[in-house]
Amino acid sequence: MKDYRGVFHFDIRESATPQWTVVIENGACHVELGFVGEPTCNITMDERTFLGIETGKLNAVFAFVKGRSRVANVGQMRRYDRAFYRFHDVPSDGPDGAGGTAELEADADPDAPTER
């Protein structure tokens, strides 16, 4: 992701801290509380949907098609998606060889396909 810059505003409804900015620039990433800068993509969903996607219990495309998430720029979101491991995709020895993965509980639609 070198020579790339993306600014993503996440609006996570029903969350204690609902607004976040994720900036990917030249292979690095930083996160800021609130909306900072001009976004290349706005993403809106509720907390349950966000946790379901990040833990692999809910397919992101399914959530988008069913209206559970809104993405203003799908092309930018695809670049974002390629930049990170999701919690459930981290290799068994960890992304940096440290071992283990994070596991979060999230209720998701049991009929929704999962990403694997």
PDB file of N, CA and C in Angstrom:
ATOM      1  N   MET A   1       0.817  -1.183   0.000  1.00  0.00           N
ATOM      2  CA  MET A   1       0.000   0.000   0.000  1.00  0.00           C
ATOM      3  C   MET A   1       0.871   1.261   0.000  1.00  0.00           C
ATOM      4  N   LYS A   2       2.084   1.121  -0.454  1.00  0.00           N
ATOM      5  CA  LYS A   2       2.936   2.305  -0.572  1.00  0.00           C
ATOM      6  C   LYS A   2       2.373   3.234  -1.625  1.00  0.00           C
ATOM      7  N   ASP A   3       2.660   4.498  -1.483  1.00  0.00           N
ATOM      8  CA  ASP A   3       2.180   5.528  -2.404  1.00  0.00           C
ATOM      9  C   ASP A   3       0.650   5.604  -2.444  1.00  0.00           C
ATOM     10  N   TYR A   4       0.025   5.229  -1.377  1.00  0.00           N
ATOM     11  CA  TYR A   4      -1.439   5.298  -1.282  1.00  0.00           C
ATOM     12  C   TYR A   4      -1.809   6.091  -0.041  1.00  0.00           C
ATOM     13  N   ARG A   5      -2.859   6.894  -0.158  1.00  0.00           N
ATOM     14  CA  ARG A   5      -3.400   7.611   0.999  1.00  0.00           C
ATOM     15  C   ARG A   5      -4.921   7.505   0.968  1.00  0.00           C
ATOM     16  N   GLY A   6      -5.484   7.015   2.054  1.00  0.00           N
ATOM     17  CA  GLY A   6      -6.928   6.931   2.205  1.00  0.00           C
ATOM     18  C   GLY A   6      -7.336   7.419   3.583  1.00  0.00           C
ATOM     19  N   VAL A   7      -8.421   8.170   3.633  1.00  0.00           N
ATOM     20  CA  VAL A   7      -8.950   8.674   4.899  1.00  0.00           C
ATOM     21  C   VAL A   7     -10.372   8.123   5.034  1.00  0.00           C
ATOM     22  N   PHE A   8     -10.594   7.337   6.068  1.00  0.00           N
ATOM     23  CA  PHE A   8     -11.856   6.630   6.256  1.00  0.00           C
ATOM     24  C   PHE A   8     -12.537   7.111   7.528  1.00  0.00           C
ATOM     25  N   HIS A   9     -13.742   7.627   7.375  1.00  0.00           N
ATOM     26  CA  HIS A   9     -14.543   8.049   8.524  1.00  0.00           C
ATOM     27  C   HIS A   9     -15.526   6.930   8.849  1.00  0.00           C
ATOM     28  N   PHE A  10     -15.383   6.367  10.037  1.00  0.00           N
ATOM     29  CA  PHE A  10     -16.290   5.328  10.513  1.00  0.00           C
ATOM     30  C   PHE A  10     -17.284   5.949  11.481  1.00  0.00           C
ATOM     31  N   ASP A  11     -18.558   5.764  11.199  1.00  0.00           N
ATOM     32  CA  ASP A  11     -19.634   6.192  12.085  1.00  0.00           C
ATOM     33  C   ASP A  11     -20.301   4.919  12.596  1.00  0.00           C
ATOM     34  N   ILE A  12     -19.936   4.516  13.806  1.00  0.00           N
ATOM     35  CA  ILE A  12     -20.422   3.259  14.387  1.00  0.00           C
ATOM     36  C   ILE A  12     -21.565   3.599  15.350  1.00  0.00           C
ATOM     37  N   ARG A  13     -22.789   3.486  14.844  1.00  0.00           N
ATOM     38  CA  ARG A  13     -23.973   3.819  15.643  1.00  0.00           C
ATOM     39  C   ARG A  13     -24.101   2.881  16.843  1.00  0.00           C
ATOM     40  N   GLU A  14     -24.720   3.392  17.893  1.00  0.00           N
ATOM     41  CA  GLU A  14     -24.978   2.629  19.120  1.00  0.00           C
ATOM     42  C   GLU A  14     -23.692   2.241  19.846  1.00  0.00           C
ATOM     43  N   SER A  15     -22.622   2.965  19.584  1.00  0.00           N
ATOM     44  CA  SER A  15     -21.341   2.706  20.228  1.00  0.00           C
ATOM     45  C   SER A  15     -21.035   3.831  21.210  1.00  0.00           C
ATOM     46  N   ALA A  16     -20.319   3.519  22.260  1.00  0.00           N
ATOM     47  CA  ALA A  16     -19.935   4.547  23.236  1.00  0.00           C
ATOM     48  C   ALA A  16     -19.041   5.609  22.589  1.00  0.00           C
ATOM     49  N   THR A  17     -18.242   5.209  21.631  1.00  0.00           N
ATOM     50  CA  THR A  17     -17.376   6.131  20.888  1.00  0.00           C
ATOM     51  C   THR A  17     -17.653   5.911  19.406  1.00  0.00           C
ATOM     52  N   PRO A  18     -18.624   6.625  18.858  1.00  0.00           N
ATOM     53  CA  PRO A  18     -19.131   6.274  17.526  1.00  0.00           C
ATOM     54  C   PRO A  18     -18.329   6.755  16.327  1.00  0.00           C
ATOM     55  N   GLN A  19     -17.505   7.782  16.471  1.00  0.00           N
ATOM     56  CA  GLN A  19     -16.849   8.333  15.289  1.00  0.00           C
ATOM     57  C   GLN A  19     -15.334   8.184  15.364  1.00  0.00           C
ATOM     58  N   TRP A  20     -14.782   7.592  14.287  1.00  0.00           N
ATOM     59  CA  TRP A  20     -13.352   7.330  14.199  1.00  0.00           C
ATOM     60  C   TRP A  20     -12.852   7.681  12.815  1.00  0.00           C
ATOM     61  N   THR A  21     -11.606   8.066  12.734  1.00  0.00           N
ATOM     62  CA  THR A  21     -10.944   8.283  11.455  1.00  0.00           C
ATOM     63  C   THR A  21      -9.762   7.334  11.376  1.00  0.00           C
ATOM     64  N   VAL A  22      -9.676   6.606  10.265  1.00  0.00           N
ATOM     65  CA  VAL A  22      -8.531   5.737   9.994  1.00  0.00           C
ATOM     66  C   VAL A  22      -7.832   6.310   8.773  1.00  0.00           C
ATOM     67  N   VAL A  23      -6.539   6.590   8.919  1.00  0.00           N
ATOM     68  CA  VAL A  23      -5.749   7.126   7.812  1.00  0.00           C
ATOM     69  C   VAL A  23      -4.690   6.098   7.437  1.00  0.00           C
ATOM     70  N   ILE A  24      -4.686   5.712   6.175  1.00  0.00           N
ATOM     71  CA  ILE A  24      -3.661   4.824   5.631  1.00  0.00           C
ATOM     72  C   ILE A  24      -2.822   5.683   4.701  1.00  0.00           C
ATOM     73  N   GLU A  25      -1.528   5.723   4.967  1.00  0.00           N
ATOM     74  CA  GLU A  25      -0.662   6.569   4.150  1.00  0.00           C
ATOM     75  C   GLU A  25       0.721   5.946   4.044  1.00  0.00           C
ATOM     76  N   ASN A  26       1.143   5.685   2.810  1.00  0.00           N
ATOM     77  CA  ASN A  26       2.479   5.153   2.525  1.00  0.00           C
ATOM     78  C   ASN A  26       2.821   3.920   3.354  1.00  0.00           C
ATOM     79  N   GLY A  27       1.877   3.001   3.481  1.00  0.00           N
ATOM     80  CA  GLY A  27       2.125   1.738   4.165  1.00  0.00           C
ATOM     81  C   GLY A  27       1.948   1.786   5.672  1.00  0.00           C
ATOM     82  N   ALA A  28       1.585   2.931   6.221  1.00  0.00           N
ATOM     83  CA  ALA A  28       1.368   3.063   7.661  1.00  0.00           C
ATOM     84  C   ALA A  28      -0.102   3.415   7.908  1.00  0.00           C
ATOM     85  N   CYS A  29      -0.534   3.187   9.135  1.00  0.00           N
ATOM     86  CA  CYS A  29      -1.920   3.464   9.497  1.00  0.00           C
ATOM     87  C   CYS A  29      -1.949   4.158  10.843  1.00  0.00           C
ATOM     88  N   HIS A  30      -2.839   5.128  10.971  1.00  0.00           N
ATOM     89  CA  HIS A  30      -3.096   5.680  12.299  1.00  0.00           C
ATOM     90  C   HIS A  30      -4.591   5.955  12.437  1.00  0.00           C
ATOM     91  N   VAL A  31      -5.032   5.894  13.679  1.00  0.00           N
ATOM     92  CA  VAL A  31      -6.452   6.027  13.999  1.00  0.00           C
ATOM     93  C   VAL A  31      -6.621   7.218  14.926  1.00  0.00           C
ATOM     94  N   GLU A  32      -7.652   7.999  14.664  1.00  0.00           N
ATOM     95  CA  GLU A  32      -7.938   9.152  15.502  1.00  0.00           C
ATOM     96  C   GLU A  32      -9.400   9.136  15.917  1.00  0.00           C
ATOM     97  N   LEU A  33      -9.642   9.599  17.104  1.00  0.00           N
ATOM     98  CA  LEU A  33     -11.002   9.721  17.616  1.00  0.00           C
ATOM     99  C   LEU A  33     -11.691  10.884  16.917  1.00  0.00           C
ATOM    100  N   GLY A  34     -12.917  10.676  16.482  1.00  0.00           N
ATOM    101  CA  GLY A  34     -13.675  11.708  15.791  1.00  0.00           C
ATOM    102  C   GLY A  34     -13.371  11.716  14.309  1.00  0.00           C
ATOM    103  N   PHE A  35     -14.021  12.626  13.600  1.00  0.00           N
ATOM    104  CA  PHE A  35     -13.789  12.766  12.159  1.00  0.00           C
ATOM    105  C   PHE A  35     -12.709  13.818  11.959  1.00  0.00           C
ATOM    106  N   VAL A  36     -11.628  13.412  11.303  1.00  0.00           N
ATOM    107  CA  VAL A  36     -10.487  14.285  11.071  1.00  0.00           C
ATOM    108  C   VAL A  36     -10.185  14.298   9.579  1.00  0.00           C
ATOM    109  N   GLY A  37     -10.044  15.464   8.999  1.00  0.00           N
ATOM    110  CA  GLY A  37      -9.676  15.579   7.594  1.00  0.00           C
ATOM    111  C   GLY A  37     -10.824  15.282   6.646  1.00  0.00           C
ATOM    112  N   GLU A  38     -10.521  15.381   5.368  1.00  0.00           N
ATOM    113  CA  GLU A  38     -11.495  15.114   4.297  1.00  0.00           C
ATOM    114  C   GLU A  38     -11.469  13.621   3.966  1.00  0.00           C
ATOM    115  N   PRO A  39     -12.587  12.924   4.117  1.00  0.00           N
ATOM    116  CA  PRO A  39     -12.575  11.477   3.890  1.00  0.00           C
ATOM    117  C   PRO A  39     -12.544  11.104   2.407  1.00  0.00           C
ATOM    118  N   THR A  40     -11.880   9.995   2.112  1.00  0.00           N
ATOM    119  CA  THR A  40     -11.988   9.383   0.790  1.00  0.00           C
ATOM    120  C   THR A  40     -13.139   8.381   0.796  1.00  0.00           C
ATOM    121  N   CYS A  41     -13.603   7.999   2.019  1.00  0.00           N
ATOM    122  CA  CYS A  41     -14.720   7.065   2.149  1.00  0.00           C
ATOM    123  C   CYS A  41     -15.373   7.231   3.514  1.00  0.00           C
ATOM    124  N   ASN A  42     -16.697   7.270   3.529  1.00  0.00           N
ATOM    125  CA  ASN A  42     -17.479   7.276   4.765  1.00  0.00           C
ATOM    126  C   ASN A  42     -18.136   5.912   4.917  1.00  0.00           C
ATOM    127  N   ILE A  43     -18.061   5.365   6.131  1.00  0.00           N
ATOM    128  CA  ILE A  43     -18.643   4.057   6.424  1.00  0.00           C
ATOM    129  C   ILE A  43     -19.557   4.212   7.634  1.00  0.00           C
ATOM    130  N   THR A  44     -20.797   3.719   7.525  1.00  0.00           N
ATOM    131  CA  THR A  44     -21.758   3.811   8.620  1.00  0.00           C
ATOM    132  C   THR A  44     -22.366   2.437   8.866  1.00  0.00           C
ATOM    133  N   MET A  45     -22.411   2.039  10.123  1.00  0.00           N
ATOM    134  CA  MET A  45     -23.063   0.788  10.525  1.00  0.00           C
ATOM    135  C   MET A  45     -23.254   0.825  12.028  1.00  0.00           C
ATOM    136  N   ASP A  46     -24.022  -0.116  12.556  1.00  0.00           N
ATOM    137  CA  ASP A  46     -24.150  -0.177  14.005  1.00  0.00           C
ATOM    138  C   ASP A  46     -23.006  -1.020  14.573  1.00  0.00           C
ATOM    139  N   GLU A  47     -22.853  -0.934  15.889  1.00  0.00           N
ATOM    140  CA  GLU A  47     -21.745  -1.615  16.554  1.00  0.00           C
ATOM    141  C   GLU A  47     -21.798  -3.137  16.366  1.00  0.00           C
ATOM    142  N   ARG A  48     -22.978  -3.676  16.437  1.00  0.00           N
ATOM    143  CA  ARG A  48     -23.148  -5.131  16.294  1.00  0.00           C
ATOM    144  C   ARG A  48     -22.670  -5.600  14.911  1.00  0.00           C
ATOM    145  N   THR A  49     -23.016  -4.848  13.875  1.00  0.00           N
ATOM    146  CA  THR A  49     -22.586  -5.190  12.519  1.00  0.00           C
ATOM    147  C   THR A  49     -21.074  -5.074  12.402  1.00  0.00           C
ATOM    148  N   PHE A  50     -20.497  -3.999  12.929  1.00  0.00           N
ATOM    149  CA  PHE A  50     -19.044  -3.800  12.882  1.00  0.00           C
ATOM    150  C   PHE A  50     -18.316  -4.967  13.541  1.00  0.00           C
ATOM    151  N   LEU A  51     -18.739  -5.330  14.750  1.00  0.00           N
ATOM    152  CA  LEU A  51     -18.088  -6.441  15.454  1.00  0.00           C
ATOM    153  C   LEU A  51     -18.282  -7.763  14.716  1.00  0.00           C
ATOM    154  N   GLY A  52     -19.457  -7.964  14.142  1.00  0.00           N
ATOM    155  CA  GLY A  52     -19.705  -9.183  13.373  1.00  0.00           C
ATOM    156  C   GLY A  52     -18.773  -9.304  12.188  1.00  0.00           C
ATOM    157  N   ILE A  53     -18.563  -8.210  11.466  1.00  0.00           N
ATOM    158  CA  ILE A  53     -17.657  -8.214  10.308  1.00  0.00           C
ATOM    159  C   ILE A  53     -16.219  -8.453  10.765  1.00  0.00           C
ATOM    160  N   GLU A  54     -15.786  -7.724  11.766  1.00  0.00           N
ATOM    161  CA  GLU A  54     -14.392  -7.806  12.204  1.00  0.00           C
ATOM    162  C   GLU A  54     -14.032  -9.155  12.821  1.00  0.00           C
ATOM    163  N   THR A  55     -15.000  -9.855  13.382  1.00  0.00           N
ATOM    164  CA  THR A  55     -14.721 -11.156  13.985  1.00  0.00           C
ATOM    165  C   THR A  55     -15.030 -12.327  13.053  1.00  0.00           C
ATOM    166  N   GLY A  56     -15.499 -12.036  11.848  1.00  0.00           N
ATOM    167  CA  GLY A  56     -15.763 -13.098  10.886  1.00  0.00           C
ATOM    168  C   GLY A  56     -17.111 -13.759  11.031  1.00  0.00           C
ATOM    169  N   LYS A  57     -17.967 -13.224  11.888  1.00  0.00           N
ATOM    170  CA  LYS A  57     -19.289 -13.810  12.068  1.00  0.00           C
ATOM    171  C   LYS A  57     -20.309 -13.263  11.086  1.00  0.00           C
ATOM    172  N   LEU A  58     -19.937 -12.202  10.350  1.00  0.00           N
ATOM    173  CA  LEU A  58     -20.823 -11.596   9.374  1.00  0.00           C
ATOM    174  C   LEU A  58     -20.003 -11.192   8.155  1.00  0.00           C
ATOM    175  N   ASN A  59     -20.452 -11.589   6.993  1.00  0.00           N
ATOM    176  CA  ASN A  59     -19.785 -11.248   5.745  1.00  0.00           C
ATOM    177  C   ASN A  59     -20.039  -9.778   5.429  1.00  0.00           C
ATOM    178  N   ALA A  60     -18.974  -9.019   5.145  1.00  0.00           N
ATOM    179  CA  ALA A  60     -19.087  -7.579   4.881  1.00  0.00           C
ATOM    180  C   ALA A  60     -19.951  -7.286   3.659  1.00  0.00           C
ATOM    181  N   VAL A  61     -19.834  -8.082   2.621  1.00  0.00           N
ATOM    182  CA  VAL A  61     -20.644  -7.872   1.409  1.00  0.00           C
ATOM    183  C   VAL A  61     -22.115  -8.125   1.722  1.00  0.00           C
ATOM    184  N   PHE A  62     -22.410  -9.173   2.472  1.00  0.00           N
ATOM    185  CA  PHE A  62     -23.777  -9.472   2.885  1.00  0.00           C
ATOM    186  C   PHE A  62     -24.354  -8.297   3.680  1.00  0.00           C
ATOM    187  N   ALA A  63     -23.575  -7.751   4.612  1.00  0.00           N
ATOM    188  CA  ALA A  63     -24.039  -6.618   5.419  1.00  0.00           C
ATOM    189  C   ALA A  63     -24.342  -5.413   4.533  1.00  0.00           C
ATOM    190  N   PHE A  64     -23.507  -5.177   3.534  1.00  0.00           N
ATOM    191  CA  PHE A  64     -23.697  -4.053   2.619  1.00  0.00           C
ATOM    192  C   PHE A  64     -24.962  -4.249   1.781  1.00  0.00           C
ATOM    193  N   VAL A  65     -25.106  -5.431   1.196  1.00  0.00           N
ATOM    194  CA  VAL A  65     -26.259  -5.721   0.334  1.00  0.00           C
ATOM    195  C   VAL A  65     -27.561  -5.663   1.127  1.00  0.00           C
ATOM    196  N   LYS A  66     -27.538  -6.105   2.365  1.00  0.00           N
ATOM    197  CA  LYS A  66     -28.742  -6.110   3.206  1.00  0.00           C
ATOM    198  C   LYS A  66     -29.006  -4.750   3.865  1.00  0.00           C
ATOM    199  N   GLY A  67     -28.159  -3.762   3.581  1.00  0.00           N
ATOM    200  CA  GLY A  67     -28.369  -2.430   4.118  1.00  0.00           C
ATOM    201  C   GLY A  67     -27.929  -2.246   5.559  1.00  0.00           C
ATOM    202  N   ARG A  68     -27.184  -3.182   6.093  1.00  0.00           N
ATOM    203  CA  ARG A  68     -26.718  -3.082   7.470  1.00  0.00           C
ATOM    204  C   ARG A  68     -25.474  -2.206   7.586  1.00  0.00           C
ATOM    205  N   SER A  69     -24.832  -1.946   6.447  1.00  0.00           N
ATOM    206  CA  SER A  69     -23.712  -1.011   6.417  1.00  0.00           C
ATOM    207  C   SER A  69     -23.841  -0.142   5.175  1.00  0.00           C
ATOM    208  N   ARG A  70     -23.368   1.076   5.292  1.00  0.00           N
ATOM    209  CA  ARG A  70     -23.355   1.989   4.154  1.00  0.00           C
ATOM    210  C   ARG A  70     -21.913   2.390   3.899  1.00  0.00           C
ATOM    211  N   VAL A  71     -21.513   2.312   2.636  1.00  0.00           N
ATOM    212  CA  VAL A  71     -20.155   2.648   2.233  1.00  0.00           C
ATOM    213  C   VAL A  71     -20.262   3.639   1.085  1.00  0.00           C
ATOM    214  N   ALA A  72     -19.657   4.820   1.265  1.00  0.00           N
ATOM    215  CA  ALA A  72     -19.785   5.881   0.270  1.00  0.00           C
ATOM    216  C   ALA A  72     -18.910   5.659  -0.960  1.00  0.00           C
ATOM    217  N   ASN A  73     -17.799   4.946  -0.820  1.00  0.00           N
ATOM    218  CA  ASN A  73     -16.884   4.732  -1.933  1.00  0.00           C
ATOM    219  C   ASN A  73     -16.391   3.283  -1.867  1.00  0.00           C
ATOM    220  N   VAL A  74     -17.040   2.408  -2.609  1.00  0.00           N
ATOM    221  CA  VAL A  74     -16.741   0.974  -2.538  1.00  0.00           C
ATOM    222  C   VAL A  74     -15.300   0.678  -2.974  1.00  0.00           C
ATOM    223  N   GLY A  75     -14.804   1.364  -3.973  1.00  0.00           N
ATOM    224  CA  GLY A  75     -13.424   1.156  -4.423  1.00  0.00           C
ATOM    225  C   GLY A  75     -12.417   1.443  -3.321  1.00  0.00           C
ATOM    226  N   GLN A  76     -12.616   2.540  -2.594  1.00  0.00           N
ATOM    227  CA  GLN A  76     -11.726   2.873  -1.477  1.00  0.00           C
ATOM    228  C   GLN A  76     -11.865   1.851  -0.347  1.00  0.00           C
ATOM    229  N   MET A  77     -13.080   1.387  -0.101  1.00  0.00           N
ATOM    230  CA  MET A  77     -13.291   0.403   0.960  1.00  0.00           C
ATOM    231  C   MET A  77     -12.595  -0.905   0.640  1.00  0.00           C
ATOM    232  N   ARG A  78     -12.568  -1.274  -0.630  1.00  0.00           N
ATOM    233  CA  ARG A  78     -11.851  -2.501  -1.025  1.00  0.00           C
ATOM    234  C   ARG A  78     -10.356  -2.351  -0.759  1.00  0.00           C
ATOM    235  N   ARG A  79      -9.798  -1.166  -0.991  1.00  0.00           N
ATOM    236  CA  ARG A  79      -8.382  -0.932  -0.691  1.00  0.00           C
ATOM    237  C   ARG A  79      -8.142  -1.011   0.815  1.00  0.00           C
ATOM    238  N   TYR A  80      -9.049  -0.448   1.588  1.00  0.00           N
ATOM    239  CA  TYR A  80      -8.965  -0.526   3.046  1.00  0.00           C
ATOM    240  C   TYR A  80      -8.954  -1.987   3.488  1.00  0.00           C
ATOM    241  N   ASP A  81      -9.887  -2.749   2.953  1.00  0.00           N
ATOM    242  CA  ASP A  81     -10.027  -4.155   3.327  1.00  0.00           C
ATOM    243  C   ASP A  81      -8.749  -4.944   3.047  1.00  0.00           C
ATOM    244  N   ARG A  82      -8.082  -4.660   1.951  1.00  0.00           N
ATOM    245  CA  ARG A  82      -6.848  -5.373   1.598  1.00  0.00           C
ATOM    246  C   ARG A  82      -5.666  -4.973   2.475  1.00  0.00           C
ATOM    247  N   ALA A  83      -5.780  -3.862   3.175  1.00  0.00           N
ATOM    248  CA  ALA A  83      -4.665  -3.354   3.975  1.00  0.00           C
ATOM    249  C   ALA A  83      -4.529  -4.035   5.335  1.00  0.00           C
ATOM    250  N   PHE A  84      -5.580  -4.735   5.800  1.00  0.00           N
ATOM    251  CA  PHE A  84      -5.582  -5.262   7.164  1.00  0.00           C
ATOM    252  C   PHE A  84      -6.000  -6.717   7.239  1.00  0.00           C
ATOM    253  N   TYR A  85      -5.470  -7.390   8.265  1.00  0.00           N
ATOM    254  CA  TYR A  85      -6.028  -8.667   8.682  1.00  0.00           C
ATOM    255  C   TYR A  85      -7.242  -8.343   9.537  1.00  0.00           C
ATOM    256  N   ARG A  86      -8.283  -9.133   9.426  1.00  0.00           N
ATOM    257  CA  ARG A  86      -9.373  -9.044  10.391  1.00  0.00           C
ATOM    258  C   ARG A  86      -8.968  -9.966  11.541  1.00  0.00           C
ATOM    259  N   PHE A  87      -9.593  -9.805  12.699  1.00  0.00           N
ATOM    260  CA  PHE A  87      -9.233 -10.616  13.857  1.00  0.00           C
ATOM    261  C   PHE A  87      -9.229 -12.105  13.519  1.00  0.00           C
ATOM    262  N   HIS A  88     -10.223 -12.547  12.754  1.00  0.00           N
ATOM    263  CA  HIS A  88     -10.363 -13.965  12.456  1.00  0.00           C
ATOM    264  C   HIS A  88      -9.419 -14.434  11.360  1.00  0.00           C
ATOM    265  N   ASP A  89      -8.737 -13.510  10.666  1.00  0.00           N
ATOM    266  CA  ASP A  89      -7.831 -13.890   9.588  1.00  0.00           C
ATOM    267  C   ASP A  89      -6.364 -13.895   9.999  1.00  0.00           C
ATOM    268  N   VAL A  90      -6.059 -13.512  11.242  1.00  0.00           N
ATOM    269  CA  VAL A  90      -4.677 -13.447  11.675  1.00  0.00           C
ATOM    270  C   VAL A  90      -4.105 -14.862  11.687  1.00  0.00           C
ATOM    271  N   PRO A  91      -2.920 -15.053  11.073  1.00  0.00           N
ATOM    272  CA  PRO A  91      -2.320 -16.389  11.086  1.00  0.00           C
ATOM    273  C   PRO A  91      -2.159 -16.906  12.512  1.00  0.00           C
ATOM    274  N   SER A  92      -2.151 -18.214  12.682  1.00  0.00           N
ATOM    275  CA  SER A  92      -2.113 -18.801  14.020  1.00  0.00           C
ATOM    276  C   SER A  92      -0.899 -18.356  14.824  1.00  0.00           C
ATOM    277  N   ASP A  93       0.173 -17.971  14.157  1.00  0.00           N
ATOM    278  CA  ASP A  93       1.329 -17.473  14.897  1.00  0.00           C
ATOM    279  C   ASP A  93       1.304 -15.956  15.036  1.00  0.00           C
ATOM    280  N   GLY A  94       0.176 -15.316  14.677  1.00  0.00           N
ATOM    281  CA  GLY A  94       0.020 -13.870  14.807  1.00  0.00           C
ATOM    282  C   GLY A  94       0.628 -13.142  13.633  1.00  0.00           C
ATOM    283  N   PRO A  95       0.224 -11.903  13.397  1.00  0.00           N
ATOM    284  CA  PRO A  95       0.726 -11.158  12.256  1.00  0.00           C
ATOM    285  C   PRO A  95       2.209 -10.845  12.366  1.00  0.00           C
ATOM    286  N   ASP A  96       2.733 -10.802  13.601  1.00  0.00           N
ATOM    287  CA  ASP A  96       4.151 -10.506  13.789  1.00  0.00           C
ATOM    288  C   ASP A  96       4.879 -11.666  14.445  1.00  0.00           C
ATOM    289  N   GLY A  97       4.253 -12.860  14.385  1.00  0.00           N
ATOM    290  CA  GLY A  97       4.868 -14.036  14.979  1.00  0.00           C
ATOM    291  C   GLY A  97       4.641 -14.143  16.474  1.00  0.00           C
ATOM    292  N   ALA A  98       3.834 -13.246  17.047  1.00  0.00           N
ATOM    293  CA  ALA A  98       3.625 -13.213  18.490  1.00  0.00           C
ATOM    294  C   ALA A  98       2.702 -14.319  18.978  1.00  0.00           C
ATOM    295  N   GLY A  99       1.881 -14.873  18.087  1.00  0.00           N
ATOM    296  CA  GLY A  99       0.979 -15.955  18.464  1.00  0.00           C
ATOM    297  C   GLY A  99      -0.368 -15.470  18.939  1.00  0.00           C
ATOM    298  N   GLY A 100      -1.371 -16.300  18.674  1.00  0.00           N
ATOM    299  CA  GLY A 100      -2.713 -16.022  19.163  1.00  0.00           C
ATOM    300  C   GLY A 100      -3.508 -15.075  18.299  1.00  0.00           C
ATOM    301  N   THR A 101      -4.805 -15.073  18.550  1.00  0.00           N
ATOM    302  CA  THR A 101      -5.703 -14.155  17.865  1.00  0.00           C
ATOM    303  C   THR A 101      -6.676 -13.584  18.872  1.00  0.00           C
ATOM    304  N   ALA A 102      -7.210 -12.450  18.569  1.00  0.00           N
ATOM    305  CA  ALA A 102      -8.235 -11.853  19.424  1.00  0.00           C
ATOM    306  C   ALA A 102      -9.568 -12.493  19.106  1.00  0.00           C
ATOM    307  N   GLU A 103     -10.374 -12.694  20.116  1.00  0.00           N
ATOM    308  CA  GLU A 103     -11.706 -13.256  19.882  1.00  0.00           C
ATOM    309  C   GLU A 103     -12.727 -12.389  20.593  1.00  0.00           C
ATOM    310  N   LEU A 104     -13.698 -11.898  19.851  1.00  0.00           N
ATOM    311  CA  LEU A 104     -14.751 -11.061  20.403  1.00  0.00           C
ATOM    312  C   LEU A 104     -16.087 -11.729  20.167  1.00  0.00           C
ATOM    313  N   GLU A 105     -17.013 -11.489  21.063  1.00  0.00           N
ATOM    314  CA  GLU A 105     -18.369 -11.994  20.886  1.00  0.00           C
ATOM    315  C   GLU A 105     -19.196 -10.959  20.153  1.00  0.00           C
ATOM    316  N   ALA A 106     -19.951 -11.392  19.163  1.00  0.00           N
ATOM    317  CA  ALA A 106     -20.876 -10.503  18.457  1.00  0.00           C
ATOM    318  C   ALA A 106     -22.026 -11.338  17.941  1.00  0.00           C
ATOM    319  N   ASP A 107     -23.221 -10.864  18.177  1.00  0.00           N
ATOM    320  CA  ASP A 107     -24.382 -11.536  17.620  1.00  0.00           C
ATOM    321  C   ASP A 107     -24.482 -11.151  16.162  1.00  0.00           C
ATOM    322  N   ALA A 108     -24.679 -12.112  15.308  1.00  0.00           N
ATOM    323  CA  ALA A 108     -24.800 -11.839  13.881  1.00  0.00           C
ATOM    324  C   ALA A 108     -25.946 -12.659  13.324  1.00  0.00           C
ATOM    325  N   ASP A 109     -26.309 -12.347  12.122  1.00  0.00           N
ATOM    326  CA  ASP A 109     -27.370 -13.076  11.441  1.00  0.00           C
ATOM    327  C   ASP A 109     -26.876 -14.507  11.200  1.00  0.00           C
ATOM    328  N   PRO A 110     -27.516 -15.521  11.772  1.00  0.00           N
ATOM    329  CA  PRO A 110     -27.042 -16.892  11.618  1.00  0.00           C
ATOM    330  C   PRO A 110     -27.136 -17.401  10.179  1.00  0.00           C
ATOM    331  N   ASP A 111     -27.951 -16.758   9.349  1.00  0.00           N
ATOM    332  CA  ASP A 111     -28.080 -17.176   7.962  1.00  0.00           C
ATOM    333  C   ASP A 111     -27.087 -16.488   7.046  1.00  0.00           C
ATOM    334  N   ALA A 112     -26.350 -15.545   7.579  1.00  0.00           N
ATOM    335  CA  ALA A 112     -25.408 -14.789   6.748  1.00  0.00           C
ATOM    336  C   ALA A 112     -24.157 -15.615   6.486  1.00  0.00           C
ATOM    337  N   PRO A 113     -23.657 -15.584   5.248  1.00  0.00           N
ATOM    338  CA  PRO A 113     -22.397 -16.276   4.978  1.00  0.00           C
ATOM    339  C   PRO A 113     -21.261 -15.567   5.690  1.00  0.00           C
ATOM    340  N   THR A 114     -20.256 -16.311   6.087  1.00  0.00           N
ATOM    341  CA  THR A 114     -19.103 -15.709   6.747  1.00  0.00           C
ATOM    342  C   THR A 114     -17.932 -15.676   5.791  1.00  0.00           C
ATOM    343  N   GLU A 115     -16.993 -14.795   6.087  1.00  0.00           N
ATOM    344  CA  GLU A 115     -15.786 -14.709   5.271  1.00  0.00           C
ATOM    345  C   GLU A 115     -14.765 -15.667   5.864  1.00  0.00           C
ATOM    346  N   ARG A 116     -14.179 -16.455   5.064  1.00  0.00           N
ATOM    347  CA  ARG A 116     -13.125 -17.374   5.519  1.00  0.00           C
ATOM    348  C   ARG A 116     -11.996 -17.369   4.542  1.00  0.00           C
TER     349      ARG A 116
END
